[in-house]
């Protein structure tokens, strides 16, 4: 089924349980294929950090299938790949990523980093900022679904203020990249995830999620945007078995072809 898949989650005591998760609601919005491996748990009583608000709007989409420069390396350099930054910032979030394949990776990194709070409106605003105009409503709803699940996982109320020390942090550490068409990529991102519950239990994990990115022009301005993709594209990605959440330095990590991100913990 397009919007659901089975994921294996390892608990802090070494047990494992299989759950059916709606794709895309754990870390990144609207992920097509996702796996999670929880590494362990501990106690902590830190306060939860604040969240930024973001807003975005667009009206006209143009320039599908625009050629972009291929700059991503075929093999992982020893010190990792430097991910480019956006040329502009909108409400604290980078935009206007370069028209290169690594620009698509940069968008995926920012999406993952931005979707970590417990604020429904903030999450939907970020989704609206980064999604293609025709897919904006879908990504906004998936972002709200992500917040609902994070609140449930953290043991906090479904609505209202979130008591400390509950928090959710994501650190992207590696990626893989597949060109599906001209100016159209599937970006797989591996991230460290730290979930702190309302009672101070901290679970550290690894998350792997896939997003579809297309270079488009919105109101005459080119940038990378999140897109839903066709059923055929999604079936292709599922059949190809996207890289799993595995620890850096392991044989599985190398076999999966993960490319480390420069400056990220490994």
C-alpha atoms as a PDB file:
ATOM      1  CA  UNK A   1       0.000   0.000   0.000  1.00  0.00           C
ATOM      2  CA  UNK A   2       1.400   3.395  -0.994  1.00  0.00           C
ATOM      3  CA  UNK A   3       1.088   5.198   2.343  1.00  0.00           C
ATOM      4  CA  UNK A   4       1.959   2.405   4.763  1.00  0.00           C
ATOM      5  CA  UNK A   5       4.734  -0.056   5.337  1.00  0.00           C
ATOM      6  CA  UNK A   6       6.119  -2.277   8.074  1.00  0.00           C
ATOM      7  CA  UNK A   7       9.111  -1.064  10.090  1.00  0.00           C
ATOM      8  CA  UNK A   8      11.306  -2.924  12.553  1.00  0.00           C
ATOM      9  CA  UNK A   9      12.020  -1.006  15.762  1.00  0.00           C
ATOM     10  CA  UNK A  10      14.522  -2.200  18.368  1.00  0.00           C
ATOM     11  CA  UNK A  11      13.758  -1.224  21.942  1.00  0.00           C
ATOM     12  CA  UNK A  12      16.221  -0.148  24.652  1.00  0.00           C
ATOM     13  CA  UNK A  13      16.314  -3.608  26.231  1.00  0.00           C
ATOM     14  CA  UNK A  14      17.091  -5.348  22.957  1.00  0.00           C
ATOM     15  CA  UNK A  15      13.549  -6.472  22.219  1.00  0.00           C
ATOM     16  CA  UNK A  16      12.036  -5.886  18.811  1.00  0.00           C
ATOM     17  CA  UNK A  17       8.504  -5.184  17.721  1.00  0.00           C
ATOM     18  CA  UNK A  18       6.965  -4.741  14.299  1.00  0.00           C
ATOM     19  CA  UNK A  19       4.636  -1.804  13.843  1.00  0.00           C
ATOM     20  CA  UNK A  20       2.719  -0.508  10.877  1.00  0.00           C
ATOM     21  CA  UNK A  21       3.516   3.194  10.568  1.00  0.00           C
ATOM     22  CA  UNK A  22       2.005   5.701   8.216  1.00  0.00           C
ATOM     23  CA  UNK A  23       4.879   6.560   5.947  1.00  0.00           C
ATOM     24  CA  UNK A  24       6.439   9.938   6.556  1.00  0.00           C
ATOM     25  CA  UNK A  25       5.079  10.764  10.002  1.00  0.00           C
ATOM     26  CA  UNK A  26       8.107   9.895  12.102  1.00  0.00           C
ATOM     27  CA  UNK A  27      10.792  12.364  11.164  1.00  0.00           C
ATOM     28  CA  UNK A  28      10.459  13.752   7.665  1.00  0.00           C
ATOM     29  CA  UNK A  29       7.206  14.762   6.082  1.00  0.00           C
ATOM     30  CA  UNK A  30       5.740  12.391   3.513  1.00  0.00           C
ATOM     31  CA  UNK A  31       8.650   9.953   3.416  1.00  0.00           C
ATOM     32  CA  UNK A  32       8.036   7.220   0.878  1.00  0.00           C
ATOM     33  CA  UNK A  33      10.147   4.523   2.487  1.00  0.00           C
ATOM     34  CA  UNK A  34      11.296   4.688   6.088  1.00  0.00           C
ATOM     35  CA  UNK A  35      13.088   2.541   8.653  1.00  0.00           C
ATOM     36  CA  UNK A  36      13.912   3.199  12.286  1.00  0.00           C
ATOM     37  CA  UNK A  37      16.354   1.479  14.637  1.00  0.00           C
ATOM     38  CA  UNK A  38      16.212   2.548  18.282  1.00  0.00           C
ATOM     39  CA  UNK A  39      19.637   2.212  19.880  1.00  0.00           C
ATOM     40  CA  UNK A  40      18.893   2.698  23.579  1.00  0.00           C
ATOM     41  CA  UNK A  41      17.301   4.773  26.308  1.00  0.00           C
ATOM     42  CA  UNK A  42      18.470   6.794  29.273  1.00  0.00           C
ATOM     43  CA  UNK A  43      17.118   9.386  31.713  1.00  0.00           C
ATOM     44  CA  UNK A  44      17.449  13.123  31.280  1.00  0.00           C
ATOM     45  CA  UNK A  45      15.729  16.242  32.546  1.00  0.00           C
ATOM     46  CA  UNK A  46      16.685  18.936  30.046  1.00  0.00           C
ATOM     47  CA  UNK A  47      14.204  21.596  28.980  1.00  0.00           C
ATOM     48  CA  UNK A  48      12.678  21.437  25.541  1.00  0.00           C
ATOM     49  CA  UNK A  49      13.901  24.005  23.044  1.00  0.00           C
ATOM     50  CA  UNK A  50      11.606  26.407  21.225  1.00  0.00           C
ATOM     51  CA  UNK A  51      10.464  26.205  17.632  1.00  0.00           C
ATOM     52  CA  UNK A  52      10.599  28.710  14.820  1.00  0.00           C
ATOM     53  CA  UNK A  53       7.607  29.747  12.767  1.00  0.00           C
ATOM     54  CA  UNK A  54       7.751  29.558   9.002  1.00  0.00           C
ATOM     55  CA  UNK A  55       5.423  30.612   6.273  1.00  0.00           C
ATOM     56  CA  UNK A  56       5.405  30.258   2.541  1.00  0.00           C
ATOM     57  CA  UNK A  57       3.085  30.726  -0.366  1.00  0.00           C
ATOM     58  CA  UNK A  58       3.202  30.295  -4.103  1.00  0.00           C
ATOM     59  CA  UNK A  59       0.846  30.387  -7.015  1.00  0.00           C
ATOM     60  CA  UNK A  60       2.252  29.288 -10.340  1.00  0.00           C
ATOM     61  CA  UNK A  61       4.500  26.296 -11.012  1.00  0.00           C
ATOM     62  CA  UNK A  62       6.575  26.204 -14.199  1.00  0.00           C
ATOM     63  CA  UNK A  63       9.639  24.641 -15.763  1.00  0.00           C
ATOM     64  CA  UNK A  64       9.258  20.923 -15.082  1.00  0.00           C
ATOM     65  CA  UNK A  65      12.165  18.614 -16.020  1.00  0.00           C
ATOM     66  CA  UNK A  66      14.811  21.339 -16.011  1.00  0.00           C
ATOM     67  CA  UNK A  67      18.368  20.046 -16.317  1.00  0.00           C
ATOM     68  CA  UNK A  68      20.544  20.497 -13.217  1.00  0.00           C
ATOM     69  CA  UNK A  69      24.296  20.151 -12.722  1.00  0.00           C
ATOM     70  CA  UNK A  70      25.623  16.790 -11.513  1.00  0.00           C
ATOM     71  CA  UNK A  71      28.145  17.456  -8.749  1.00  0.00           C
ATOM     72  CA  UNK A  72      27.518  14.645  -6.235  1.00  0.00           C
ATOM     73  CA  UNK A  73      30.454  12.197  -5.986  1.00  0.00           C
ATOM     74  CA  UNK A  74      30.001   8.577  -7.016  1.00  0.00           C
ATOM     75  CA  UNK A  75      31.999   7.344  -4.028  1.00  0.00           C
ATOM     76  CA  UNK A  76      32.191   8.677  -0.503  1.00  0.00           C
ATOM     77  CA  UNK A  77      35.149  11.015   0.144  1.00  0.00           C
ATOM     78  CA  UNK A  78      37.032  10.376   3.372  1.00  0.00           C
ATOM     79  CA  UNK A  79      35.792  13.542   5.051  1.00  0.00           C
ATOM     80  CA  UNK A  80      32.234  13.373   3.689  1.00  0.00           C
ATOM     81  CA  UNK A  81      30.353  15.586   1.247  1.00  0.00           C
ATOM     82  CA  UNK A  82      29.812  19.272   1.924  1.00  0.00           C
ATOM     83  CA  UNK A  83      26.087  19.987   1.552  1.00  0.00           C
ATOM     84  CA  UNK A  84      25.336  23.384  -0.022  1.00  0.00           C
ATOM     85  CA  UNK A  85      23.286  26.036   1.717  1.00  0.00           C
ATOM     86  CA  UNK A  86      20.365  28.094   0.479  1.00  0.00           C
ATOM     87  CA  UNK A  87      20.880  31.545  -1.014  1.00  0.00           C
ATOM     88  CA  UNK A  88      17.949  33.012   0.920  1.00  0.00           C
ATOM     89  CA  UNK A  89      16.241  32.518   4.280  1.00  0.00           C
ATOM     90  CA  UNK A  90      12.472  32.628   4.833  1.00  0.00           C
ATOM     91  CA  UNK A  91      11.358  32.823   8.474  1.00  0.00           C
ATOM     92  CA  UNK A  92      14.567  31.167   9.586  1.00  0.00           C
ATOM     93  CA  UNK A  93      14.529  28.398   6.970  1.00  0.00           C
ATOM     94  CA  UNK A  94      16.971  28.260   4.018  1.00  0.00           C
ATOM     95  CA  UNK A  95      15.541  28.408   0.501  1.00  0.00           C
ATOM     96  CA  UNK A  96      16.866  28.929  -3.055  1.00  0.00           C
ATOM     97  CA  UNK A  97      19.136  25.895  -3.067  1.00  0.00           C
ATOM     98  CA  UNK A  98      21.575  25.525  -5.980  1.00  0.00           C
ATOM     99  CA  UNK A  99      20.405  23.912  -9.218  1.00  0.00           C
ATOM    100  CA  UNK A 100      22.577  20.828  -8.657  1.00  0.00           C
ATOM    101  CA  UNK A 101      21.869  17.292  -7.507  1.00  0.00           C
ATOM    102  CA  UNK A 102      23.381  18.186  -4.124  1.00  0.00           C
ATOM    103  CA  UNK A 103      20.866  21.032  -3.934  1.00  0.00           C
ATOM    104  CA  UNK A 104      18.161  18.346  -3.770  1.00  0.00           C
ATOM    105  CA  UNK A 105      20.035  16.716  -0.892  1.00  0.00           C
ATOM    106  CA  UNK A 106      20.267  20.100   0.825  1.00  0.00           C
ATOM    107  CA  UNK A 107      16.484  20.448   0.745  1.00  0.00           C
ATOM    108  CA  UNK A 108      16.031  16.993   2.266  1.00  0.00           C
ATOM    109  CA  UNK A 109      18.475  17.901   5.041  1.00  0.00           C
ATOM    110  CA  UNK A 110      16.589  21.099   5.871  1.00  0.00           C
ATOM    111  CA  UNK A 111      13.217  19.327   5.809  1.00  0.00           C
ATOM    112  CA  UNK A 112      14.488  16.749   8.290  1.00  0.00           C
ATOM    113  CA  UNK A 113      16.031  19.362  10.583  1.00  0.00           C
ATOM    114  CA  UNK A 114      12.918  21.564  10.536  1.00  0.00           C
ATOM    115  CA  UNK A 115      10.329  18.890  11.361  1.00  0.00           C
ATOM    116  CA  UNK A 116      11.310  18.198  14.950  1.00  0.00           C
ATOM    117  CA  UNK A 117       8.923  20.196  17.120  1.00  0.00           C
ATOM    118  CA  UNK A 118       5.500  19.652  18.661  1.00  0.00           C
ATOM    119  CA  UNK A 119       3.804  22.676  17.088  1.00  0.00           C
ATOM    120  CA  UNK A 120       1.217  21.740  14.439  1.00  0.00           C
ATOM    121  CA  UNK A 121       1.144  25.154  12.790  1.00  0.00           C
ATOM    122  CA  UNK A 122       4.924  25.416  12.637  1.00  0.00           C
ATOM    123  CA  UNK A 123       5.209  21.993  11.036  1.00  0.00           C
ATOM    124  CA  UNK A 124       2.518  22.768   8.454  1.00  0.00           C
ATOM    125  CA  UNK A 125       4.157  26.108   7.643  1.00  0.00           C
ATOM    126  CA  UNK A 126       7.493  24.418   6.962  1.00  0.00           C
ATOM    127  CA  UNK A 127       5.745  21.867   4.750  1.00  0.00           C
ATOM    128  CA  UNK A 128       4.065  24.646   2.822  1.00  0.00           C
ATOM    129  CA  UNK A 129       7.354  26.442   2.395  1.00  0.00           C
ATOM    130  CA  UNK A 130       9.182  23.468   0.896  1.00  0.00           C
ATOM    131  CA  UNK A 131       6.405  21.645  -1.018  1.00  0.00           C
ATOM    132  CA  UNK A 132       5.454  22.122  -4.644  1.00  0.00           C
ATOM    133  CA  UNK A 133       2.326  24.322  -4.814  1.00  0.00           C
ATOM    134  CA  UNK A 134       0.101  21.549  -6.174  1.00  0.00           C
ATOM    135  CA  UNK A 135       1.185  19.223  -3.332  1.00  0.00           C
ATOM    136  CA  UNK A 136       1.169  21.799  -0.545  1.00  0.00           C
ATOM    137  CA  UNK A 137      -2.070  20.681   1.153  1.00  0.00           C
ATOM    138  CA  UNK A 138      -0.976  17.047   1.221  1.00  0.00           C
ATOM    139  CA  UNK A 139       2.398  17.818   2.776  1.00  0.00           C
ATOM    140  CA  UNK A 140       0.854  20.165   5.325  1.00  0.00           C
ATOM    141  CA  UNK A 141      -1.491  17.413   6.483  1.00  0.00           C
ATOM    142  CA  UNK A 142       1.333  14.897   6.659  1.00  0.00           C
ATOM    143  CA  UNK A 143       3.355  17.383   8.706  1.00  0.00           C
ATOM    144  CA  UNK A 144       0.476  17.663  11.183  1.00  0.00           C
ATOM    145  CA  UNK A 145       0.289  13.875  11.300  1.00  0.00           C
ATOM    146  CA  UNK A 146       4.015  13.820  12.100  1.00  0.00           C
ATOM    147  CA  UNK A 147       3.500  16.174  15.044  1.00  0.00           C
ATOM    148  CA  UNK A 148       0.624  14.054  16.357  1.00  0.00           C
ATOM    149  CA  UNK A 149       2.842  10.953  16.331  1.00  0.00           C
ATOM    150  CA  UNK A 150       5.762  12.772  17.954  1.00  0.00           C
ATOM    151  CA  UNK A 151       3.464  13.955  20.729  1.00  0.00           C
ATOM    152  CA  UNK A 152       2.229  10.404  21.234  1.00  0.00           C
ATOM    153  CA  UNK A 153       5.764   9.006  21.312  1.00  0.00           C
ATOM    154  CA  UNK A 154       6.854  11.663  23.810  1.00  0.00           C
ATOM    155  CA  UNK A 155       3.869  11.003  26.082  1.00  0.00           C
ATOM    156  CA  UNK A 156       2.562  14.568  25.932  1.00  0.00           C
ATOM    157  CA  UNK A 157      -0.992  15.865  25.350  1.00  0.00           C
ATOM    158  CA  UNK A 158      -2.315  15.700  21.811  1.00  0.00           C
ATOM    159  CA  UNK A 159      -3.048  19.435  21.958  1.00  0.00           C
ATOM    160  CA  UNK A 160      -1.663  22.383  23.882  1.00  0.00           C
ATOM    161  CA  UNK A 161       1.657  23.151  25.559  1.00  0.00           C
ATOM    162  CA  UNK A 162       4.357  20.497  25.764  1.00  0.00           C
ATOM    163  CA  UNK A 163       5.889  20.151  29.229  1.00  0.00           C
ATOM    164  CA  UNK A 164       9.679  19.879  29.572  1.00  0.00           C
ATOM    165  CA  UNK A 165      11.819  17.888  29.195  1.00  0.00           C
ATOM    166  CA  UNK A 166       9.957  16.423  26.182  1.00  0.00           C
ATOM    167  CA  UNK A 167      11.875  17.089  22.967  1.00  0.00           C
ATOM    168  CA  UNK A 168      12.717  15.640  19.567  1.00  0.00           C
ATOM    169  CA  UNK A 169      16.012  16.221  17.766  1.00  0.00           C
ATOM    170  CA  UNK A 170      17.235  15.112  14.338  1.00  0.00           C
ATOM    171  CA  UNK A 171      20.809  15.216  12.990  1.00  0.00           C
ATOM    172  CA  UNK A 172      21.248  14.190   9.318  1.00  0.00           C
ATOM    173  CA  UNK A 173      24.470  12.198   8.870  1.00  0.00           C
ATOM    174  CA  UNK A 174      24.458  10.566   5.408  1.00  0.00           C
ATOM    175  CA  UNK A 175      22.549  10.352   2.134  1.00  0.00           C
ATOM    176  CA  UNK A 176      22.091   8.460  -1.108  1.00  0.00           C
ATOM    177  CA  UNK A 177      20.746   9.912  -4.324  1.00  0.00           C
ATOM    178  CA  UNK A 178      18.895   8.510  -7.342  1.00  0.00           C
ATOM    179  CA  UNK A 179      17.983  10.465 -10.467  1.00  0.00           C
ATOM    180  CA  UNK A 180      14.486   9.510 -11.615  1.00  0.00           C
ATOM    181  CA  UNK A 181      14.232  12.022 -14.460  1.00  0.00           C
ATOM    182  CA  UNK A 182      15.771  15.314 -15.524  1.00  0.00           C
ATOM    183  CA  UNK A 183      15.739  17.605 -12.492  1.00  0.00           C
ATOM    184  CA  UNK A 184      13.917  14.952 -10.449  1.00  0.00           C
ATOM    185  CA  UNK A 185      15.526  12.931  -7.635  1.00  0.00           C
ATOM    186  CA  UNK A 186      14.825  10.489  -4.867  1.00  0.00           C
ATOM    187  CA  UNK A 187      16.906  11.505  -1.835  1.00  0.00           C
ATOM    188  CA  UNK A 188      17.473   9.027   0.980  1.00  0.00           C
ATOM    189  CA  UNK A 189      18.619  10.522   4.265  1.00  0.00           C
ATOM    190  CA  UNK A 190      20.088   8.778   7.305  1.00  0.00           C
ATOM    191  CA  UNK A 191      19.746  10.680  10.585  1.00  0.00           C
ATOM    192  CA  UNK A 192      20.403  10.329  14.281  1.00  0.00           C
ATOM    193  CA  UNK A 193      17.191  10.836  16.247  1.00  0.00           C
ATOM    194  CA  UNK A 194      16.833  11.625  19.944  1.00  0.00           C
ATOM    195  CA  UNK A 195      13.383  11.459  21.539  1.00  0.00           C
ATOM    196  CA  UNK A 196      12.940  12.666  25.112  1.00  0.00           C
ATOM    197  CA  UNK A 197       9.636  11.793  26.756  1.00  0.00           C
ATOM    198  CA  UNK A 198       7.728  13.884  29.281  1.00  0.00           C
ATOM    199  CA  UNK A 199       9.117  11.739  32.111  1.00  0.00           C
ATOM    200  CA  UNK A 200      12.724  12.273  30.980  1.00  0.00           C
ATOM    201  CA  UNK A 201      13.454   8.960  29.248  1.00  0.00           C
ATOM    202  CA  UNK A 202      15.704   9.505  26.251  1.00  0.00           C
ATOM    203  CA  UNK A 203      15.776   7.133  23.275  1.00  0.00           C
ATOM    204  CA  UNK A 204      18.508   7.427  20.659  1.00  0.00           C
ATOM    205  CA  UNK A 205      17.932   5.978  17.217  1.00  0.00           C
ATOM    206  CA  UNK A 206      18.785   5.940  13.544  1.00  0.00           C
ATOM    207  CA  UNK A 207      16.204   6.923  10.928  1.00  0.00           C
ATOM    208  CA  UNK A 208      16.292   6.423   7.168  1.00  0.00           C
ATOM    209  CA  UNK A 209      13.676   8.141   5.023  1.00  0.00           C
ATOM    210  CA  UNK A 210      13.125   8.833   1.329  1.00  0.00           C
ATOM    211  CA  UNK A 211      11.750  11.979  -0.290  1.00  0.00           C
ATOM    212  CA  UNK A 212      11.095  12.989  -3.889  1.00  0.00           C
ATOM    213  CA  UNK A 213      12.540  16.353  -4.971  1.00  0.00           C
ATOM    214  CA  UNK A 214      11.965  18.235  -8.214  1.00  0.00           C
ATOM    215  CA  UNK A 215      13.578  21.421  -9.515  1.00  0.00           C
ATOM    216  CA  UNK A 216      10.707  23.717 -10.478  1.00  0.00           C
ATOM    217  CA  UNK A 217      10.001  27.388 -10.977  1.00  0.00           C
ATOM    218  CA  UNK A 218       7.380  29.013  -8.778  1.00  0.00           C
ATOM    219  CA  UNK A 219       6.392  32.496  -9.929  1.00  0.00           C
ATOM    220  CA  UNK A 220       9.530  32.571 -12.078  1.00  0.00           C
ATOM    221  CA  UNK A 221      11.926  31.578  -9.267  1.00  0.00           C
ATOM    222  CA  UNK A 222      13.663  28.201  -9.475  1.00  0.00           C
ATOM    223  CA  UNK A 223      14.196  26.000  -6.419  1.00  0.00           C
ATOM    224  CA  UNK A 224      13.959  22.415  -5.196  1.00  0.00           C
ATOM    225  CA  UNK A 225      10.535  21.377  -3.918  1.00  0.00           C
ATOM    226  CA  UNK A 226       9.019  18.306  -2.291  1.00  0.00           C
ATOM    227  CA  UNK A 227       6.651  16.428  -4.606  1.00  0.00           C
ATOM    228  CA  UNK A 228       4.365  13.444  -4.086  1.00  0.00           C
ATOM    229  CA  UNK A 229       5.521  11.551  -7.130  1.00  0.00           C
ATOM    230  CA  UNK A 230       3.518   9.134  -9.229  1.00  0.00           C
ATOM    231  CA  UNK A 231       2.435   5.636  -8.226  1.00  0.00           C
ATOM    232  CA  UNK A 232       4.951   4.303 -10.732  1.00  0.00           C
ATOM    233  CA  UNK A 233       7.801   6.262  -9.126  1.00  0.00           C
ATOM    234  CA  UNK A 234       6.876   5.056  -5.664  1.00  0.00           C
ATOM    235  CA  UNK A 235       6.485   1.448  -6.796  1.00  0.00           C
ATOM    236  CA  UNK A 236       9.944   1.694  -8.362  1.00  0.00           C
ATOM    237  CA  UNK A 237      11.514   2.969  -5.143  1.00  0.00           C
ATOM    238  CA  UNK A 238       9.831   0.306  -3.029  1.00  0.00           C
ATOM    239  CA  UNK A 239      10.876  -2.460  -5.430  1.00  0.00           C
ATOM    240  CA  UNK A 240      14.472  -1.193  -5.419  1.00  0.00           C
ATOM    241  CA  UNK A 241      14.626  -1.423  -1.592  1.00  0.00           C
ATOM    242  CA  UNK A 242      15.859   1.948  -0.360  1.00  0.00           C
ATOM    243  CA  UNK A 243      18.862   2.048   2.045  1.00  0.00           C
ATOM    244  CA  UNK A 244      18.046   0.944   5.582  1.00  0.00           C
ATOM    245  CA  UNK A 245      18.833   2.630   8.907  1.00  0.00           C
ATOM    246  CA  UNK A 246      22.207   1.169   9.834  1.00  0.00           C
ATOM    247  CA  UNK A 247      25.089   2.470  11.930  1.00  0.00           C
ATOM    248  CA  UNK A 248      28.021   4.260  10.282  1.00  0.00           C
ATOM    249  CA  UNK A 249      31.180   2.199  10.088  1.00  0.00           C
ATOM    250  CA  UNK A 250      29.365  -1.121   9.801  1.00  0.00           C
ATOM    251  CA  UNK A 251      29.565  -3.425   6.768  1.00  0.00           C
ATOM    252  CA  UNK A 252      25.827  -2.865   6.228  1.00  0.00           C
ATOM    253  CA  UNK A 253      26.385   0.891   6.067  1.00  0.00           C
ATOM    254  CA  UNK A 254      29.016   0.489   3.335  1.00  0.00           C
ATOM    255  CA  UNK A 255      26.925  -1.998   1.376  1.00  0.00           C
ATOM    256  CA  UNK A 256      23.955   0.369   1.444  1.00  0.00           C
ATOM    257  CA  UNK A 257      26.090   3.020  -0.267  1.00  0.00           C
ATOM    258  CA  UNK A 258      25.530   5.751   2.322  1.00  0.00           C
ATOM    259  CA  UNK A 259      27.553   8.917   1.611  1.00  0.00           C
ATOM    260  CA  UNK A 260      28.549  10.692   4.846  1.00  0.00           C
ATOM    261  CA  UNK A 261      27.777  14.367   5.283  1.00  0.00           C
ATOM    262  CA  UNK A 262      30.768  16.544   6.073  1.00  0.00           C
ATOM    263  CA  UNK A 263      30.741  17.752   9.666  1.00  0.00           C
ATOM    264  CA  UNK A 264      28.026  15.320  10.818  1.00  0.00           C
ATOM    265  CA  UNK A 265      28.781  12.879  13.670  1.00  0.00           C
ATOM    266  CA  UNK A 266      29.626   9.388  12.449  1.00  0.00           C
END
